[in-house]
Each structure stands twice: as C-alpha cells, then as structure tokens.
Amino acid sequence: MNKINYSLLKNKIKSSNLDNFYCFYGENDFLIDKFTRIVIEKTIGNENNPFNFMKFDEDLDFGELSLAINSLPVCQHKKVVLVRNFRLKNLKIFSEYVKDLPDFVTLILLINREENKDQVEKDINSSIESGTLVEFPRIKNLKILEKQIIVWGREFNKDISSEDAQLLIEKCGTNMDFLYNNLQKICLGNSEIIEKTINPKFEKDNVFNINKYIINKDFDKLFLSLNTLSKEELFSTINIIGSVFVSAYRLKIAQRYNLSIDDVSKDFGFENKKFILKNIEKDFKNINEITIKKCIEIIVETDSLIKTCDLSIIYLIEKMVFDIISAIA
C-alpha cells in the first residue's frame, strides 16, 4: 500500500484525487473520524444512505462483507463500505475479499487502536497491494493545538485567544477529541470564551467524568470524585449515570439495525450535542447490550432504594458503582 501522512491525504481529497481503498490507524481518533467523514461525504454525500453506505465492526461477517462490496450502488455511481475496529488477526482472510475491489466501491478500513502501529504497517503492506495507508498520530505540539482550538472556536462563532486556548490544553491535555468536545460544551453555554468561563466548567466536571471512571475502572479518580460531590450533586449523579447507560443501550440497538448516530440524535433530542453520543459510543464499544441492560437495572434499583430507604446516599451510590463495574468486568 502507498503510505502517506494526513496532510498529503487532505490535499489529495481537496483535488478530488480519491482512492478506492483507505486504511487508517493511529492514536488520533479525532482526525480518523474527521477524515473518514470527509471521504464518505466526497464519495456519496453522507452516511444517511442505507443503500450505498454499509458499516461493519470488528465482529464482521465476511459473507455479508463480500455482499456489501460486490452489490451495485443504488442511483449513484459509487458506494462506501466502512469496517471499524479491525483486528489484524482477520487480515489474511480479509485480504482475499478486497484484492479485486470493484471500481464502484470505496472501502475504508479503520484499525483497532489497540493494535501495535509498527505491526499494522508491516502486516498491511505484506497482505494488501493497492490502496492508501495513513497513520494519524497524537498531536503533541502545543502551538499546533492552540491554532486548532482557535479555528474550532470560529465554528461556534466564538473568538478564542491564544491564552485561553493554552488554558484549555492545560485543563484537558492534548487529546483532540477531549479538547473539541469540551470546547463545544463551553461554547454552547457561554456568549464569550474567557478564563472565567473555562475554570468553573472544569470545577463542575467531576459529576460528568464519573461514567468514564466507571468504564475504565479508574478507582482512584472515581472515589475521589464521589467524595468531593455535594449532596445535591450526588442526587444528580445517579441521573447522569443512568442517562449515559440508556444512551449507550439505544446506540447498541441502533447499530444492530444499521442505524447511524445521526438517527439516534434526531430521535432522542441530541441534534446539537451529537458529540455526547460519539463519546458514549467510543466508551462502550467493548460492552454488549445485554451487559448495558443489566447495568440499567442496577441503576433503577439503586434509584428506588434512595427514594424509599434510610441508607446513606453515598453508600448506595458506591454499592451501585461496584455492582456496575462487576457487571462489565
């Protein structure tokens, strides 16, 4: 395969010089998602096309993949087949299905980020001849990130200073997904982005991070967060945890019926906050719908106990958290 960097990929796409097979990998989920969307939009318009956009995950059925690749597009010249979270152990059989891609297909292969990047390049190049291989590394250059935050601010009609961009990086780190999502939350709630709007937002973020700590089994941060919450925030915690697990369940059901995040966001009032669903999808990608349903039952039971018994709320929430972690272990 022809390996290029994402800057060259951007230029090739701008000039409409598109390949029919792309393999994306690396630590930068934000850029991988961005360029995946760009290729899809350039090829067929958008993802809301049940006939010309087919999506598979790591548990892909190769018979269904073959059918998706070889079936003609409907009312268009091109179609897109997207394979996400791909594991290298499936590469040998996968390569047989893609060695003679029809001209009307654009195939996008997203490698599971747990795979070793050096092994990805070696195995892909030895197994697949044609196509474009692109690594998306994590961007650690603070000046580049500052400029990117300022550009993002313009998307939300906000002017962000270099100083406030630096402050956001200080609070969030260098993960572009996390930076973008937190900037979007701040921009949606404030007419002006200055230090006094950034700091309070992160002081209040403990409640919203608890779900992430549960999924990642980060006990230190989890119990530190619980211990710093007020009684009122503890009451809201169970609602926030519940809403995240319910959204995760909706996403799993939607995936089963080949529906997109756009469909879920429209049906459940997330039109302006689609990033929330994207984060939830990413956090819950390795948790199945049966487990999520069990966790929802634990949350509902805890909510009922809080309202009907005299046990302390912190004890009940800590027990709920332990039960959820045990369920997803």
Protein backbone atom coordinates (compact mmCIF):
# COMPACT_ATOMS: atom_id res chain seq x y z
CA MET A 1 0.00 0.00 0.00
CA ASN A 2 1.01 3.60 -0.51
CA LYS A 3 1.66 5.18 2.91
CA ILE A 4 1.13 8.95 3.15
CA ASN A 5 0.66 11.43 6.01
CA TYR A 6 -2.69 13.07 6.73
CA SER A 7 -1.56 16.45 5.31
CA LEU A 8 -0.97 14.85 1.91
CA LEU A 9 -4.26 12.96 2.26
CA LYS A 10 -6.03 16.29 2.84
CA ASN A 11 -4.50 17.73 -0.35
CA LYS A 12 -5.41 14.65 -2.40
CA ILE A 13 -9.01 14.81 -1.19
CA LYS A 14 -9.21 18.55 -1.95
CA SER A 15 -8.13 17.86 -5.51
CA SER A 16 -10.70 15.01 -5.71
CA ASN A 17 -7.87 12.52 -6.18
CA LEU A 18 -9.59 9.69 -4.31
CA ASP A 19 -8.56 6.05 -3.96
CA ASN A 20 -10.99 3.18 -3.63
CA PHE A 21 -9.30 1.71 -0.55
CA TYR A 22 -8.16 3.55 2.59
CA CYS A 23 -6.63 2.09 5.74
CA PHE A 24 -6.49 4.47 8.72
CA TYR A 25 -4.77 3.77 12.04
CA GLY A 26 -3.16 5.55 14.99
CA GLU A 27 -3.90 7.24 18.31
CA ASN A 28 -5.72 10.31 16.98
CA ASP A 29 -9.38 9.24 16.96
CA PHE A 30 -10.49 12.79 16.21
CA LEU A 31 -8.60 13.01 12.91
CA ILE A 32 -9.51 9.44 11.96
CA ASP A 33 -13.21 10.24 12.43
CA LYS A 34 -12.82 13.55 10.59
CA PHE A 35 -11.11 12.11 7.51
CA THR A 36 -13.44 9.11 7.44
CA ARG A 37 -16.40 11.52 7.25
CA ILE A 38 -14.66 13.59 4.57
CA VAL A 39 -14.03 10.55 2.35
CA ILE A 40 -17.65 9.42 2.80
CA GLU A 41 -19.03 12.88 2.01
CA LYS A 42 -16.79 13.26 -1.05
CA THR A 43 -17.86 9.84 -2.32
CA ILE A 44 -21.61 9.55 -1.64
CA GLY A 45 -22.69 12.75 0.12
CA ASN A 46 -23.30 11.47 3.68
CA GLU A 47 -23.79 8.41 5.88
CA ASN A 48 -27.60 8.60 5.77
CA ASN A 49 -27.79 6.35 2.75
CA PRO A 50 -28.89 2.80 3.61
CA PHE A 51 -28.25 1.51 0.08
CA ASN A 52 -24.83 3.00 -0.64
CA PHE A 53 -23.26 3.10 2.83
CA MET A 54 -22.55 -0.16 4.67
CA LYS A 55 -20.85 -0.27 8.06
CA PHE A 56 -19.21 -3.22 9.85
CA ASP A 57 -17.49 -3.56 13.22
CA GLU A 58 -14.76 -5.91 14.48
CA ASP A 59 -17.18 -8.88 14.63
CA LEU A 60 -17.82 -8.59 10.88
CA ASP A 61 -19.33 -11.43 8.90
CA PHE A 62 -17.16 -11.96 5.79
CA GLY A 63 -20.12 -13.24 3.79
CA GLU A 64 -22.01 -10.02 4.46
CA LEU A 65 -18.85 -8.02 3.73
CA SER A 66 -18.49 -9.75 0.35
CA LEU A 67 -22.12 -8.99 -0.48
CA ALA A 68 -21.68 -5.33 0.52
CA ILE A 69 -18.54 -4.98 -1.62
CA ASN A 70 -19.94 -6.65 -4.72
CA SER A 71 -23.52 -5.36 -4.78
CA LEU A 72 -24.05 -2.41 -7.12
CA PRO A 73 -24.75 1.08 -5.75
CA VAL A 74 -28.33 2.34 -5.99
CA CYS A 75 -28.99 5.51 -8.05
CA GLN A 76 -25.36 6.57 -7.68
CA HIS A 77 -22.03 5.76 -9.30
CA LYS A 78 -20.27 4.93 -6.02
CA LYS A 79 -20.86 3.31 -2.64
CA VAL A 80 -18.87 3.22 0.62
CA VAL A 81 -18.11 0.21 2.83
CA LEU A 82 -16.70 1.08 6.26
CA VAL A 83 -15.03 -1.50 8.54
CA ARG A 84 -14.27 -0.23 12.06
CA ASN A 85 -12.18 -1.63 14.93
CA PHE A 86 -10.48 -4.11 12.60
CA ARG A 87 -8.18 -6.71 14.17
CA LEU A 88 -5.02 -7.84 12.41
CA LYS A 89 -5.80 -11.49 13.19
CA ASN A 90 -8.50 -11.27 10.48
CA LEU A 91 -6.18 -9.74 7.88
CA LYS A 92 -5.37 -12.90 5.93
CA ILE A 93 -8.98 -13.74 5.11
CA PHE A 94 -9.87 -10.04 4.73
CA SER A 95 -7.17 -9.55 2.09
CA GLU A 96 -8.77 -12.24 -0.08
CA TYR A 97 -12.06 -10.34 -0.16
CA VAL A 98 -10.52 -6.97 -1.08
CA LYS A 99 -7.80 -7.87 -3.61
CA ASP A 100 -10.12 -7.18 -6.58
CA LEU A 101 -12.31 -4.31 -5.43
CA PRO A 102 -14.93 -3.16 -7.95
CA ASP A 103 -14.45 0.39 -9.25
CA PHE A 104 -17.77 1.47 -7.77
CA VAL A 105 -16.66 0.72 -4.17
CA THR A 106 -14.70 2.87 -1.75
CA LEU A 107 -13.57 0.74 1.19
CA ILE A 108 -12.41 2.37 4.44
CA LEU A 109 -10.65 0.15 6.97
CA LEU A 110 -10.17 1.55 10.50
CA ILE A 111 -7.66 -0.46 12.53
CA ASN A 112 -8.40 -1.10 16.21
CA ARG A 113 -6.18 1.33 18.14
CA GLU A 114 -5.03 -1.46 20.47
CA GLU A 115 -3.01 -2.96 17.61
CA ASN A 116 0.73 -2.19 17.56
CA LYS A 117 1.30 0.56 14.97
CA ASP A 118 4.55 -0.94 13.64
CA GLN A 119 2.83 -4.29 13.22
CA VAL A 120 -0.07 -2.60 11.42
CA GLU A 121 2.20 -1.13 8.75
CA LYS A 122 4.18 -4.35 8.34
CA ASP A 123 1.15 -6.65 8.10
CA ILE A 124 -0.94 -4.38 5.88
CA ASN A 125 1.90 -3.83 3.41
CA SER A 126 2.65 -7.54 3.20
CA SER A 127 -1.00 -8.53 2.70
CA ILE A 128 -2.60 -5.79 0.59
CA GLU A 129 -1.00 -4.25 -2.50
CA SER A 130 -3.22 -1.37 -3.60
CA GLY A 131 -4.73 1.47 -1.58
CA THR A 132 -3.67 4.26 0.76
CA LEU A 133 -2.33 3.72 4.27
CA VAL A 134 -2.45 6.69 6.66
CA GLU A 135 -1.24 6.92 10.26
CA PHE A 136 -2.89 9.55 12.47
CA PRO A 137 -0.52 10.15 15.41
CA ARG A 138 -1.46 12.07 18.52
CA ILE A 139 -0.54 15.75 18.08
CA LYS A 140 1.61 16.92 20.98
CA ASN A 141 2.85 20.22 19.54
CA LEU A 142 1.10 22.80 21.74
CA LYS A 143 1.31 25.60 19.16
CA ILE A 144 -0.48 23.46 16.58
CA LEU A 145 -3.17 22.58 19.13
CA GLU A 146 -3.61 26.24 20.14
CA LYS A 147 -4.17 27.23 16.50
CA GLN A 148 -6.61 24.34 16.06
CA ILE A 149 -8.65 25.41 19.12
CA ILE A 150 -8.88 28.96 17.75
CA VAL A 151 -10.10 27.56 14.40
CA TRP A 152 -12.68 25.38 16.20
CA GLY A 153 -13.87 28.44 18.11
CA ARG A 154 -14.77 30.10 14.81
CA GLU A 155 -17.00 27.10 14.01
CA PHE A 156 -19.09 28.15 17.04
CA ASN A 157 -18.82 31.90 16.21
CA LYS A 158 -16.51 32.48 19.17
CA ASP A 159 -13.20 34.35 19.27
CA ILE A 160 -10.71 32.45 21.42
CA SER A 161 -7.43 33.99 22.48
CA SER A 162 -4.14 32.12 22.45
CA GLU A 163 -4.07 32.40 26.27
CA ASP A 164 -7.48 30.74 26.65
CA ALA A 165 -6.51 28.04 24.14
CA GLN A 166 -3.47 27.35 26.32
CA LEU A 167 -5.70 27.19 29.41
CA LEU A 168 -7.99 24.67 27.72
CA ILE A 169 -4.99 22.48 26.84
CA GLU A 170 -3.79 22.77 30.44
CA LYS A 171 -7.19 21.54 31.68
CA CYS A 172 -7.83 18.88 29.02
CA GLY A 173 -4.46 17.65 27.83
CA THR A 174 -3.58 17.01 24.19
CA ASN A 175 -6.34 14.55 23.19
CA MET A 176 -8.09 16.31 20.29
CA ASP A 177 -11.43 14.57 20.87
CA PHE A 178 -11.47 15.68 24.50
CA LEU A 179 -10.36 19.22 23.60
CA TYR A 180 -13.00 19.63 20.89
CA ASN A 181 -15.85 18.17 22.95
CA ASN A 182 -15.10 20.32 25.99
CA LEU A 183 -14.70 23.44 23.86
CA GLN A 184 -18.07 22.70 22.25
CA LYS A 185 -19.71 22.34 25.67
CA ILE A 186 -18.23 25.66 26.79
CA CYS A 187 -19.22 27.44 23.57
CA LEU A 188 -22.81 26.17 23.71
CA GLY A 189 -23.24 27.60 27.20
CA ASN A 190 -21.42 30.94 27.00
CA SER A 191 -21.52 34.03 24.79
CA GLU A 192 -17.84 34.74 25.44
CA ILE A 193 -14.94 32.34 25.95
CA ILE A 194 -12.61 33.68 28.60
CA GLU A 195 -10.80 32.24 31.61
CA LYS A 196 -13.74 32.78 33.96
CA THR A 197 -15.94 30.53 31.76
CA ILE A 198 -13.32 27.78 31.37
CA ASN A 199 -12.28 27.27 35.01
CA PRO A 200 -15.79 26.83 36.54
CA LYS A 201 -16.70 24.36 33.82
CA PHE A 202 -13.89 22.04 34.87
CA GLU A 203 -14.65 22.52 38.55
CA LYS A 204 -18.12 21.12 37.81
CA ASP A 205 -16.93 18.30 35.58
CA ASN A 206 -16.48 15.70 38.33
CA VAL A 207 -20.09 14.52 38.02
CA PHE A 208 -19.82 14.04 34.25
CA ASN A 209 -16.50 12.20 34.43
CA ILE A 210 -17.78 9.52 36.81
CA ASN A 211 -19.15 7.38 33.96
CA LYS A 212 -15.75 7.38 32.28
CA TYR A 213 -14.06 6.39 35.53
CA ILE A 214 -16.54 3.51 35.93
CA ILE A 215 -15.96 2.19 32.39
CA ASN A 216 -12.18 2.47 32.73
CA LYS A 217 -12.23 1.04 36.28
CA ASP A 218 -10.23 4.06 37.46
CA PHE A 219 -10.96 3.58 41.17
CA ASP A 220 -8.72 6.37 42.46
CA LYS A 221 -10.34 9.09 40.37
CA LEU A 222 -13.79 7.56 40.80
CA PHE A 223 -13.85 7.66 44.59
CA LEU A 224 -12.01 10.98 44.72
CA SER A 225 -14.80 12.43 42.58
CA LEU A 226 -17.56 10.87 44.68
CA ASN A 227 -16.00 12.20 47.87
CA THR A 228 -15.86 15.76 46.55
CA LEU A 229 -19.51 15.93 45.45
CA SER A 230 -22.14 17.77 47.44
CA LYS A 231 -25.35 16.03 48.47
CA GLU A 232 -27.22 17.74 45.63
CA GLU A 233 -24.58 16.59 43.14
CA LEU A 234 -24.83 13.03 44.47
CA PHE A 235 -28.55 13.06 43.66
CA SER A 236 -27.83 14.25 40.13
CA THR A 237 -25.03 11.67 39.72
CA ILE A 238 -27.39 8.72 39.51
CA ASN A 239 -29.47 10.52 36.85
CA ILE A 240 -26.37 11.32 34.80
CA ILE A 241 -25.02 7.76 35.05
CA GLY A 242 -28.45 6.42 34.12
CA SER A 243 -28.83 8.70 31.10
CA VAL A 244 -25.42 7.66 29.76
CA PHE A 245 -26.18 3.93 30.06
CA VAL A 246 -29.62 4.42 28.47
CA SER A 247 -28.00 6.30 25.57
CA ALA A 248 -25.42 3.52 25.22
CA TYR A 249 -28.23 0.94 25.05
CA ARG A 250 -30.04 2.97 22.37
CA LEU A 251 -26.82 3.15 20.33
CA LYS A 252 -26.28 -0.62 20.56
CA ILE A 253 -29.85 -1.28 19.37
CA ALA A 254 -29.39 1.24 16.56
CA GLN A 255 -26.17 -0.49 15.45
CA ARG A 256 -27.98 -3.82 15.37
CA TYR A 257 -30.40 -2.36 12.80
CA ASN A 258 -27.64 -0.50 10.89
CA LEU A 259 -28.85 2.93 12.03
CA SER A 260 -26.39 5.79 12.48
CA ILE A 261 -25.63 8.18 15.34
CA ASP A 262 -27.48 10.83 13.31
CA ASP A 263 -30.65 8.71 13.52
CA VAL A 264 -30.33 8.34 17.30
CA SER A 265 -29.53 12.03 17.81
CA LYS A 266 -32.64 13.08 15.86
CA ASP A 267 -34.95 10.60 17.58
CA PHE A 268 -33.82 11.42 21.14
CA GLY A 269 -33.11 15.15 21.03
CA PHE A 270 -29.32 15.19 20.67
CA GLU A 271 -29.21 17.22 17.42
CA ASN A 272 -26.91 19.90 18.85
CA LYS A 273 -24.98 17.55 21.13
CA LYS A 274 -24.08 14.67 18.84
CA PHE A 275 -20.57 14.69 20.32
CA ILE A 276 -22.07 13.25 23.53
CA LEU A 277 -23.31 10.19 21.65
CA LYS A 278 -19.97 9.81 19.86
CA ASN A 279 -18.16 9.77 23.20
CA ILE A 280 -20.63 7.25 24.62
CA GLU A 281 -20.26 5.01 21.56
CA LYS A 282 -16.48 5.07 21.95
CA ASP A 283 -16.56 4.42 25.72
CA PHE A 284 -18.98 1.49 25.38
CA LYS A 285 -17.58 -0.10 22.21
CA ASN A 286 -16.43 -3.24 24.10
CA ILE A 287 -19.59 -3.61 26.24
CA ASN A 288 -22.53 -5.53 24.79
CA GLU A 289 -26.19 -4.55 25.02
CA ILE A 290 -27.07 -7.36 27.47
CA THR A 291 -24.47 -6.08 29.95
CA ILE A 292 -25.64 -2.49 29.48
CA LYS A 293 -29.24 -3.56 30.14
CA LYS A 294 -28.13 -5.29 33.36
CA CYS A 295 -26.35 -2.09 34.45
CA ILE A 296 -29.51 -0.07 33.78
CA GLU A 297 -31.44 -2.46 36.05
CA ILE A 298 -28.82 -1.88 38.79
CA ILE A 299 -29.18 1.90 38.39
CA VAL A 300 -33.01 1.74 38.51
CA GLU A 301 -32.89 -0.43 41.64
CA THR A 302 -30.49 1.99 43.34
CA ASP A 303 -32.66 4.97 42.43
CA SER A 304 -35.64 3.22 44.01
CA LEU A 305 -33.66 2.45 47.20
CA ILE A 306 -32.52 6.08 47.52
CA LYS A 307 -36.16 7.18 47.45
CA THR A 308 -37.55 4.51 49.79
CA CYS A 309 -34.94 3.54 52.41
CA ASP A 310 -32.88 5.26 55.11
CA LEU A 311 -29.42 4.09 54.00
CA SER A 312 -26.94 6.87 53.19
CA ILE A 313 -26.91 8.02 49.58
CA ILE A 314 -23.12 7.78 49.29
CA TYR A 315 -23.22 4.14 50.45
CA LEU A 316 -25.93 3.27 47.91
CA ILE A 317 -24.12 5.00 45.05
CA GLU A 318 -20.78 3.36 45.93
CA LYS A 319 -22.52 -0.03 46.02
CA MET A 320 -24.17 0.71 42.67
CA VAL A 321 -20.80 1.63 41.17
CA PHE A 322 -19.22 -1.61 42.44
CA ASP A 323 -22.13 -3.64 41.02
CA ILE A 324 -21.84 -1.92 37.62
CA ILE A 325 -18.07 -2.47 37.48
CA SER A 326 -18.60 -6.15 38.38
CA ALA A 327 -21.19 -6.46 35.60
CA ILE A 328 -18.90 -5.03 32.92
CA ALA A 329 -15.72 -6.76 34.13
